[in-house]
Amino acid sequence: INDYQLVVLYQPNNRFNKYISAIKINKSNYF
């Protein structure tokens, strides 16, 4: 995730759990 300046989460479900956790830890910007 850290390789990108912006992460677009399109229609997320429970399979996104791992990456949403990483976004919260790294305080990554997302849409």
PDB file of all heavy atoms in Angstrom:
ATOM      1  N   ILE A   1       0.824  -1.205   0.000  1.00  0.00           N
ATOM      2  CA  ILE A   1       0.000   0.000   0.000  1.00  0.00           C
ATOM      3  C   ILE A   1       0.861   1.258   0.000  1.00  0.00           C
ATOM      4  O   ILE A   1       0.543   2.268  -0.641  1.00  0.00           O
ATOM      5  CB  ILE A   1      -0.943   0.005   1.226  1.00  0.00           C
ATOM      6  CG1 ILE A   1      -1.988  -1.100   1.112  1.00  0.00           C
ATOM      7  CG2 ILE A   1      -1.610   1.363   1.412  1.00  0.00           C
ATOM      8  CD1 ILE A   1      -3.052  -0.861   0.090  1.00  0.00           C
ATOM      9  N   ASN A   2       1.990   1.206   0.694  1.00  0.00           N
ATOM     10  CA  ASN A   2       2.849   2.383   0.838  1.00  0.00           C
ATOM     11  C   ASN A   2       3.499   2.820  -0.457  1.00  0.00           C
ATOM     12  O   ASN A   2       4.111   3.892  -0.521  1.00  0.00           O
ATOM     13  CB  ASN A   2       3.944   2.116   1.881  1.00  0.00           C
ATOM     14  CG  ASN A   2       3.381   2.065   3.289  1.00  0.00           C
ATOM     15  OD1 ASN A   2       2.279   2.546   3.536  1.00  0.00           O
ATOM     16  ND2 ASN A   2       4.119   1.464   4.209  1.00  0.00           N
ATOM     17  N   ASP A   3       3.404   2.004  -1.511  1.00  0.00           N
ATOM     18  CA  ASP A   3       3.984   2.375  -2.805  1.00  0.00           C
ATOM     19  C   ASP A   3       3.122   3.406  -3.536  1.00  0.00           C
ATOM     20  O   ASP A   3       3.526   3.905  -4.590  1.00  0.00           O
ATOM     21  CB  ASP A   3       4.138   1.138  -3.692  1.00  0.00           C
ATOM     22  CG  ASP A   3       5.171   0.155  -3.128  1.00  0.00           C
ATOM     23  OD1 ASP A   3       6.017   0.601  -2.326  1.00  0.00           O
ATOM     24  OD2 ASP A   3       5.120  -1.032  -3.483  1.00  0.00           O
ATOM     25  N   TYR A   4       1.962   3.717  -2.989  1.00  0.00           N
ATOM     26  CA  TYR A   4       1.013   4.583  -3.686  1.00  0.00           C
ATOM     27  C   TYR A   4       0.666   5.792  -2.818  1.00  0.00           C
ATOM     28  O   TYR A   4       0.587   5.698  -1.596  1.00  0.00           O
ATOM     29  CB  TYR A   4      -0.277   3.813  -4.022  1.00  0.00           C
ATOM     30  CG  TYR A   4      -0.035   2.618  -4.916  1.00  0.00           C
ATOM     31  CD1 TYR A   4       0.243   1.362  -4.363  1.00  0.00           C
ATOM     32  CD2 TYR A   4      -0.068   2.742  -6.300  1.00  0.00           C
ATOM     33  CE1 TYR A   4       0.467   0.267  -5.182  1.00  0.00           C
ATOM     34  CE2 TYR A   4       0.150   1.645  -7.122  1.00  0.00           C
ATOM     35  CZ  TYR A   4       0.420   0.409  -6.558  1.00  0.00           C
ATOM     36  OH  TYR A   4       0.647  -0.672  -7.362  1.00  0.00           O
ATOM     37  N   GLN A   5       0.456   6.930  -3.510  1.00  0.00           N
ATOM     38  CA  GLN A   5       0.052   8.152  -2.800  1.00  0.00           C
ATOM     39  C   GLN A   5      -1.448   8.170  -2.496  1.00  0.00           C
ATOM     40  O   GLN A   5      -1.903   8.882  -1.611  1.00  0.00           O
ATOM     41  CB  GLN A   5       0.400   9.401  -3.627  1.00  0.00           C
ATOM     42  CG  GLN A   5       1.861   9.791  -3.593  1.00  0.00           C
ATOM     43  CD  GLN A   5       2.703   8.871  -4.463  1.00  0.00           C
ATOM     44  OE1 GLN A   5       2.361   8.608  -5.622  1.00  0.00           O
ATOM     45  NE2 GLN A   5       3.804   8.374  -3.918  1.00  0.00           N
ATOM     46  N   LEU A   6      -2.215   7.389  -3.261  1.00  0.00           N
ATOM     47  CA  LEU A   6      -3.664   7.354  -3.059  1.00  0.00           C
ATOM     48  C   LEU A   6      -4.181   5.956  -3.370  1.00  0.00           C
ATOM     49  O   LEU A   6      -3.784   5.346  -4.371  1.00  0.00           O
ATOM     50  CB  LEU A   6      -4.372   8.377  -3.966  1.00  0.00           C
ATOM     51  CG  LEU A   6      -5.900   8.384  -3.928  1.00  0.00           C
ATOM     52  CD1 LEU A   6      -6.417   8.776  -2.544  1.00  0.00           C
ATOM     53  CD2 LEU A   6      -6.469   9.313  -4.996  1.00  0.00           C
ATOM     54  N   VAL A   7      -5.071   5.453  -2.495  1.00  0.00           N
ATOM     55  CA  VAL A   7      -5.695   4.148  -2.693  1.00  0.00           C
ATOM     56  C   VAL A   7      -7.193   4.355  -2.886  1.00  0.00           C
ATOM     57  O   VAL A   7      -7.849   5.005  -2.065  1.00  0.00           O
ATOM     58  CB  VAL A   7      -5.452   3.210  -1.492  1.00  0.00           C
ATOM     59  CG1 VAL A   7      -6.111   1.849  -1.742  1.00  0.00           C
ATOM     60  CG2 VAL A   7      -3.964   3.046  -1.234  1.00  0.00           C
ATOM     61  N   VAL A   8      -7.721   3.846  -3.994  1.00  0.00           N
ATOM     62  CA  VAL A   8      -9.156   3.897  -4.265  1.00  0.00           C
ATOM     63  C   VAL A   8      -9.756   2.545  -3.881  1.00  0.00           C
ATOM     64  O   VAL A   8      -9.368   1.507  -4.428  1.00  0.00           O
ATOM     65  CB  VAL A   8      -9.449   4.215  -5.743  1.00  0.00           C
ATOM     66  CG1 VAL A   8     -10.960   4.255  -5.984  1.00  0.00           C
ATOM     67  CG2 VAL A   8      -8.812   5.543  -6.143  1.00  0.00           C
ATOM     68  N   LEU A   9     -10.686   2.547  -2.943  1.00  0.00           N
ATOM     69  CA  LEU A   9     -11.363   1.329  -2.504  1.00  0.00           C
ATOM     70  C   LEU A   9     -12.731   1.286  -3.177  1.00  0.00           C
ATOM     71  O   LEU A   9     -13.644   2.029  -2.810  1.00  0.00           O
ATOM     72  CB  LEU A   9     -11.521   1.329  -0.978  1.00  0.00           C
ATOM     73  CG  LEU A   9     -10.230   1.516  -0.165  1.00  0.00           C
ATOM     74  CD1 LEU A   9     -10.554   1.625   1.318  1.00  0.00           C
ATOM     75  CD2 LEU A   9      -9.257   0.373  -0.421  1.00  0.00           C
ATOM     76  N   TYR A  10     -12.857   0.413  -4.176  1.00  0.00           N
ATOM     77  CA  TYR A  10     -14.089   0.377  -4.957  1.00  0.00           C
ATOM     78  C   TYR A  10     -14.999  -0.744  -4.463  1.00  0.00           C
ATOM     79  O   TYR A  10     -14.673  -1.923  -4.553  1.00  0.00           O
ATOM     80  CB  TYR A  10     -13.781   0.193  -6.453  1.00  0.00           C
ATOM     81  CG  TYR A  10     -14.995   0.416  -7.326  1.00  0.00           C
ATOM     82  CD1 TYR A  10     -15.400   1.698  -7.656  1.00  0.00           C
ATOM     83  CD2 TYR A  10     -15.750  -0.657  -7.784  1.00  0.00           C
ATOM     84  CE1 TYR A  10     -16.521   1.927  -8.433  1.00  0.00           C
ATOM     85  CE2 TYR A  10     -16.879  -0.449  -8.561  1.00  0.00           C
ATOM     86  CZ  TYR A  10     -17.263   0.851  -8.878  1.00  0.00           C
ATOM     87  OH  TYR A  10     -18.387   1.064  -9.650  1.00  0.00           O
ATOM     88  N   GLN A  11     -16.138  -0.351  -3.921  1.00  0.00           N
ATOM     89  CA  GLN A  11     -17.156  -1.267  -3.395  1.00  0.00           C
ATOM     90  C   GLN A  11     -16.543  -2.313  -2.449  1.00  0.00           C
ATOM     91  O   GLN A  11     -16.576  -3.518  -2.717  1.00  0.00           O
ATOM     92  CB  GLN A  11     -17.904  -1.945  -4.549  1.00  0.00           C
ATOM     93  CG  GLN A  11     -18.522  -0.936  -5.515  1.00  0.00           C
ATOM     94  CD  GLN A  11     -19.848  -1.405  -6.074  1.00  0.00           C
ATOM     95  OE1 GLN A  11     -20.626  -2.061  -5.395  1.00  0.00           O
ATOM     96  NE2 GLN A  11     -20.103  -1.037  -7.316  1.00  0.00           N
ATOM     97  N   PRO A  12     -15.967  -1.859  -1.338  1.00  0.00           N
ATOM     98  CA  PRO A  12     -15.270  -2.784  -0.429  1.00  0.00           C
ATOM     99  C   PRO A  12     -16.229  -3.731   0.295  1.00  0.00           C
ATOM    100  O   PRO A  12     -17.394  -3.410   0.531  1.00  0.00           O
ATOM    101  CB  PRO A  12     -14.579  -1.840   0.556  1.00  0.00           C
ATOM    102  CG  PRO A  12     -15.346  -0.574   0.491  1.00  0.00           C
ATOM    103  CD  PRO A  12     -15.876  -0.455  -0.898  1.00  0.00           C
ATOM    104  N   ASN A  13     -15.671  -4.897   0.638  1.00  0.00           N
ATOM    105  CA  ASN A  13     -16.381  -5.877   1.470  1.00  0.00           C
ATOM    106  C   ASN A  13     -15.376  -6.458   2.455  1.00  0.00           C
ATOM    107  O   ASN A  13     -14.267  -5.920   2.613  1.00  0.00           O
ATOM    108  CB  ASN A  13     -17.047  -6.956   0.614  1.00  0.00           C
ATOM    109  CG  ASN A  13     -16.066  -7.605  -0.359  1.00  0.00           C
ATOM    110  OD1 ASN A  13     -14.870  -7.718  -0.064  1.00  0.00           O
ATOM    111  ND2 ASN A  13     -16.549  -8.015  -1.519  1.00  0.00           N
ATOM    112  N   ASN A  14     -15.708  -7.565   3.112  1.00  0.00           N
ATOM    113  CA  ASN A  14     -14.834  -8.081   4.167  1.00  0.00           C
ATOM    114  C   ASN A  14     -13.480  -8.558   3.648  1.00  0.00           C
ATOM    115  O   ASN A  14     -12.547  -8.749   4.416  1.00  0.00           O
ATOM    116  CB  ASN A  14     -15.535  -9.194   4.956  1.00  0.00           C
ATOM    117  CG  ASN A  14     -16.003 -10.330   4.050  1.00  0.00           C
ATOM    118  OD1 ASN A  14     -15.665 -10.375   2.862  1.00  0.00           O
ATOM    119  ND2 ASN A  14     -16.777 -11.243   4.610  1.00  0.00           N
ATOM    120  N   ARG A  15     -13.335  -8.769   2.332  1.00  0.00           N
ATOM    121  CA  ARG A  15     -12.034  -9.157   1.781  1.00  0.00           C
ATOM    122  C   ARG A  15     -11.043  -7.988   1.782  1.00  0.00           C
ATOM    123  O   ARG A  15      -9.859  -8.179   1.527  1.00  0.00           O
ATOM    124  CB  ARG A  15     -12.215  -9.687   0.351  1.00  0.00           C
ATOM    125  CG  ARG A  15     -12.919 -11.057   0.294  1.00  0.00           C
ATOM    126  CD  ARG A  15     -13.065 -11.538  -1.132  1.00  0.00           C
ATOM    127  NE  ARG A  15     -14.044 -10.736  -1.861  1.00  0.00           N
ATOM    128  CZ  ARG A  15     -14.241 -10.818  -3.170  1.00  0.00           C
ATOM    129  NH1 ARG A  15     -13.492 -11.623  -3.900  1.00  0.00           N
ATOM    130  NH2 ARG A  15     -15.156 -10.073  -3.760  1.00  0.00           N
ATOM    131  N   PHE A  16     -11.525  -6.771   2.063  1.00  0.00           N
ATOM    132  CA  PHE A  16     -10.661  -5.588   2.130  1.00  0.00           C
ATOM    133  C   PHE A  16     -10.071  -5.384   3.522  1.00  0.00           C
ATOM    134  O   PHE A  16      -9.322  -4.431   3.727  1.00  0.00           O
ATOM    135  CB  PHE A  16     -11.458  -4.332   1.744  1.00  0.00           C
ATOM    136  CG  PHE A  16     -11.702  -4.156   0.276  1.00  0.00           C
ATOM    137  CD1 PHE A  16     -12.548  -5.016  -0.412  1.00  0.00           C
ATOM    138  CD2 PHE A  16     -11.096  -3.136  -0.430  1.00  0.00           C
ATOM    139  CE1 PHE A  16     -12.799  -4.853  -1.762  1.00  0.00           C
ATOM    140  CE2 PHE A  16     -11.332  -2.962  -1.782  1.00  0.00           C
ATOM    141  CZ  PHE A  16     -12.187  -3.825  -2.449  1.00  0.00           C
ATOM    142  N   ASN A  17     -10.408  -6.258   4.462  1.00  0.00           N
ATOM    143  CA  ASN A  17     -10.067  -6.041   5.864  1.00  0.00           C
ATOM    144  C   ASN A  17      -8.568  -5.798   6.062  1.00  0.00           C
ATOM    145  O   ASN A  17      -8.156  -4.874   6.768  1.00  0.00           O
ATOM    146  CB  ASN A  17     -10.538  -7.237   6.698  1.00  0.00           C
ATOM    147  CG  ASN A  17     -10.329  -7.000   8.180  1.00  0.00           C
ATOM    148  OD1 ASN A  17     -10.736  -5.968   8.711  1.00  0.00           O
ATOM    149  ND2 ASN A  17      -9.667  -7.942   8.847  1.00  0.00           N
ATOM    150  N   LYS A  18      -7.752  -6.626   5.438  1.00  0.00           N
ATOM    151  CA  LYS A  18      -6.294  -6.540   5.585  1.00  0.00           C
ATOM    152  C   LYS A  18      -5.772  -5.178   5.125  1.00  0.00           C
ATOM    153  O   LYS A  18      -4.921  -4.555   5.790  1.00  0.00           O
ATOM    154  CB  LYS A  18      -5.651  -7.667   4.788  1.00  0.00           C
ATOM    155  CG  LYS A  18      -4.151  -7.577   4.647  1.00  0.00           C
ATOM    156  CD  LYS A  18      -3.633  -8.710   3.760  1.00  0.00           C
ATOM    157  CE  LYS A  18      -2.143  -8.568   3.480  1.00  0.00           C
ATOM    158  NZ  LYS A  18      -1.658  -9.624   2.565  1.00  0.00           N
ATOM    159  N   TYR A  19      -6.281  -4.683   4.015  1.00  0.00           N
ATOM    160  CA  TYR A  19      -5.742  -3.452   3.426  1.00  0.00           C
ATOM    161  C   TYR A  19      -6.298  -2.204   4.120  1.00  0.00           C
ATOM    162  O   TYR A  19      -5.595  -1.192   4.236  1.00  0.00           O
ATOM    163  CB  TYR A  19      -6.028  -3.436   1.924  1.00  0.00           C
ATOM    164  CG  TYR A  19      -5.433  -4.648   1.240  1.00  0.00           C
ATOM    165  CD1 TYR A  19      -6.238  -5.686   0.798  1.00  0.00           C
ATOM    166  CD2 TYR A  19      -4.054  -4.759   1.095  1.00  0.00           C
ATOM    167  CE1 TYR A  19      -5.692  -6.806   0.202  1.00  0.00           C
ATOM    168  CE2 TYR A  19      -3.496  -5.884   0.501  1.00  0.00           C
ATOM    169  CZ  TYR A  19      -4.312  -6.908   0.060  1.00  0.00           C
ATOM    170  OH  TYR A  19      -3.757  -8.022  -0.512  1.00  0.00           O
ATOM    171  N   ILE A  20      -7.529  -2.284   4.592  1.00  0.00           N
ATOM    172  CA  ILE A  20      -8.066  -1.155   5.362  1.00  0.00           C
ATOM    173  C   ILE A  20      -7.306  -1.011   6.678  1.00  0.00           C
ATOM    174  O   ILE A  20      -7.024   0.105   7.136  1.00  0.00           O
ATOM    175  CB  ILE A  20      -9.581  -1.335   5.599  1.00  0.00           C
ATOM    176  CG1 ILE A  20     -10.333  -1.149   4.283  1.00  0.00           C
ATOM    177  CG2 ILE A  20     -10.092  -0.356   6.644  1.00  0.00           C
ATOM    178  CD1 ILE A  20     -11.828  -1.305   4.382  1.00  0.00           C
ATOM    179  N   SER A  21      -6.919  -2.133   7.280  1.00  0.00           N
ATOM    180  CA  SER A  21      -6.104  -2.078   8.503  1.00  0.00           C
ATOM    181  C   SER A  21      -4.761  -1.416   8.223  1.00  0.00           C
ATOM    182  O   SER A  21      -4.273  -0.595   9.007  1.00  0.00           O
ATOM    183  CB  SER A  21      -5.894  -3.493   9.051  1.00  0.00           C
ATOM    184  OG  SER A  21      -7.130  -4.074   9.421  1.00  0.00           O
ATOM    185  N   ALA A  22      -4.145  -1.770   7.080  1.00  0.00           N
ATOM    186  CA  ALA A  22      -2.860  -1.162   6.706  1.00  0.00           C
ATOM    187  C   ALA A  22      -3.013   0.338   6.455  1.00  0.00           C
ATOM    188  O   ALA A  22      -2.147   1.140   6.824  1.00  0.00           O
ATOM    189  CB  ALA A  22      -2.306  -1.856   5.465  1.00  0.00           C
ATOM    190  N   ILE A  23      -4.123   0.723   5.836  1.00  0.00           N
ATOM    191  CA  ILE A  23      -4.378   2.144   5.568  1.00  0.00           C
ATOM    192  C   ILE A  23      -4.499   2.915   6.872  1.00  0.00           C
ATOM    193  O   ILE A  23      -3.949   4.011   7.028  1.00  0.00           O
ATOM    194  CB  ILE A  23      -5.653   2.299   4.712  1.00  0.00           C
ATOM    195  CG1 ILE A  23      -5.371   1.875   3.261  1.00  0.00           C
ATOM    196  CG2 ILE A  23      -6.166   3.729   4.747  1.00  0.00           C
ATOM    197  CD1 ILE A  23      -6.597   1.818   2.388  1.00  0.00           C
ATOM    198  N   LYS A  24      -5.198   2.337   7.864  1.00  0.00           N
ATOM    199  CA  LYS A  24      -5.374   3.020   9.147  1.00  0.00           C
ATOM    200  C   LYS A  24      -4.053   3.128   9.901  1.00  0.00           C
ATOM    201  O   LYS A  24      -3.766   4.155  10.528  1.00  0.00           O
ATOM    202  CB  LYS A  24      -6.419   2.282   9.986  1.00  0.00           C
ATOM    203  CG  LYS A  24      -7.834   2.420   9.430  1.00  0.00           C
ATOM    204  CD  LYS A  24      -8.906   2.009  10.426  1.00  0.00           C
ATOM    205  CE  LYS A  24      -8.915   0.509  10.643  1.00  0.00           C
ATOM    206  NZ  LYS A  24     -10.031   0.070  11.528  1.00  0.00           N
ATOM    207  N   ILE A  25      -3.247   2.064   9.838  1.00  0.00           N
ATOM    208  CA  ILE A  25      -1.956   2.090  10.548  1.00  0.00           C
ATOM    209  C   ILE A  25      -1.018   3.122   9.926  1.00  0.00           C
ATOM    210  O   ILE A  25      -0.354   3.900  10.630  1.00  0.00           O
ATOM    211  CB  ILE A  25      -1.319   0.688  10.530  1.00  0.00           C
ATOM    212  CG1 ILE A  25      -2.157  -0.284  11.386  1.00  0.00           C
ATOM    213  CG2 ILE A  25       0.122   0.745  11.033  1.00  0.00           C
ATOM    214  CD1 ILE A  25      -1.724  -1.729  11.268  1.00  0.00           C
ATOM    215  N   ASN A  26      -0.946   3.142   8.585  1.00  0.00           N
ATOM    216  CA  ASN A  26      -0.019   4.034   7.880  1.00  0.00           C
ATOM    217  C   ASN A  26      -0.595   5.431   7.632  1.00  0.00           C
ATOM    218  O   ASN A  26       0.105   6.293   7.099  1.00  0.00           O
ATOM    219  CB  ASN A  26       0.368   3.416   6.535  1.00  0.00           C
ATOM    220  CG  ASN A  26       1.109   2.102   6.691  1.00  0.00           C
ATOM    221  OD1 ASN A  26       1.976   1.968   7.554  1.00  0.00           O
ATOM    222  ND2 ASN A  26       0.762   1.119   5.863  1.00  0.00           N
ATOM    223  N   LYS A  27      -1.882   5.597   8.000  1.00  0.00           N
ATOM    224  CA  LYS A  27      -2.570   6.866   7.741  1.00  0.00           C
ATOM    225  C   LYS A  27      -2.477   7.250   6.263  1.00  0.00           C
ATOM    226  O   LYS A  27      -2.216   8.407   5.892  1.00  0.00           O
ATOM    227  CB  LYS A  27      -2.026   7.986   8.629  1.00  0.00           C
ATOM    228  CG  LYS A  27      -2.230   7.744  10.124  1.00  0.00           C
ATOM    229  CD  LYS A  27      -1.886   8.960  10.934  1.00  0.00           C
ATOM    230  CE  LYS A  27      -2.081   8.713  12.428  1.00  0.00           C
ATOM    231  NZ  LYS A  27      -3.429   8.277  12.772  1.00  0.00           N
ATOM    232  N   SER A  28      -2.679   6.252   5.412  1.00  0.00           N
ATOM    233  CA  SER A  28      -2.645   6.478   3.966  1.00  0.00           C
ATOM    234  C   SER A  28      -3.908   7.213   3.523  1.00  0.00           C
ATOM    235  O   SER A  28      -4.993   7.034   4.087  1.00  0.00           O
ATOM    236  CB  SER A  28      -2.538   5.142   3.219  1.00  0.00           C
ATOM    237  OG  SER A  28      -1.378   4.429   3.616  1.00  0.00           O
ATOM    238  N   ASN A  29      -3.756   8.019   2.486  1.00  0.00           N
ATOM    239  CA  ASN A  29      -4.908   8.706   1.913  1.00  0.00           C
ATOM    240  C   ASN A  29      -5.707   7.717   1.057  1.00  0.00           C
ATOM    241  O   ASN A  29      -5.125   6.916   0.310  1.00  0.00           O
ATOM    242  CB  ASN A  29      -4.463   9.879   1.045  1.00  0.00           C
ATOM    243  CG  ASN A  29      -3.710  10.928   1.846  1.00  0.00           C
ATOM    244  OD1 ASN A  29      -3.868  11.021   3.061  1.00  0.00           O
ATOM    245  ND2 ASN A  29      -2.881  11.706   1.177  1.00  0.00           N
ATOM    246  N   TYR A  30      -7.033   7.777   1.131  1.00  0.00           N
ATOM    247  CA  TYR A  30      -7.827   6.840   0.331  1.00  0.00           C
ATOM    248  C   TYR A  30      -9.134   7.478  -0.109  1.00  0.00           C
ATOM    249  O   TYR A  30      -9.593   8.473   0.457  1.00  0.00           O
ATOM    250  CB  TYR A  30      -8.094   5.541   1.099  1.00  0.00           C
ATOM    251  CG  TYR A  30      -8.989   5.672   2.311  1.00  0.00           C
ATOM    252  CD1 TYR A  30     -10.371   5.485   2.228  1.00  0.00           C
ATOM    253  CD2 TYR A  30      -8.454   5.967   3.570  1.00  0.00           C
ATOM    254  CE1 TYR A  30     -11.187   5.596   3.343  1.00  0.00           C
ATOM    255  CE2 TYR A  30      -9.263   6.085   4.688  1.00  0.00           C
ATOM    256  CZ  TYR A  30     -10.633   5.905   4.567  1.00  0.00           C
ATOM    257  OH  TYR A  30     -11.440   6.025   5.677  1.00  0.00           O
ATOM    258  N   PHE A  31      -9.708   6.888  -1.149  1.00  0.00           N
ATOM    259  CA  PHE A  31     -10.968   7.330  -1.728  1.00  0.00           C
ATOM    260  C   PHE A  31     -11.881   6.115  -1.811  1.00  0.00           C
ATOM    261  O   PHE A  31     -11.603   5.166  -2.547  1.00  0.00           O
ATOM    262  CB  PHE A  31     -10.715   7.924  -3.119  1.00  0.00           C
ATOM    263  CG  PHE A  31     -11.955   8.416  -3.822  1.00  0.00           C
ATOM    264  CD1 PHE A  31     -13.048   8.887  -3.124  1.00  0.00           C
ATOM    265  CD2 PHE A  31     -12.011   8.423  -5.210  1.00  0.00           C
ATOM    266  CE1 PHE A  31     -14.185   9.349  -3.782  1.00  0.00           C
ATOM    267  CE2 PHE A  31     -13.137   8.881  -5.877  1.00  0.00           C
ATOM    268  CZ  PHE A  31     -14.223   9.350  -5.159  1.00  0.00           C
TER     269      PHE A  31
END
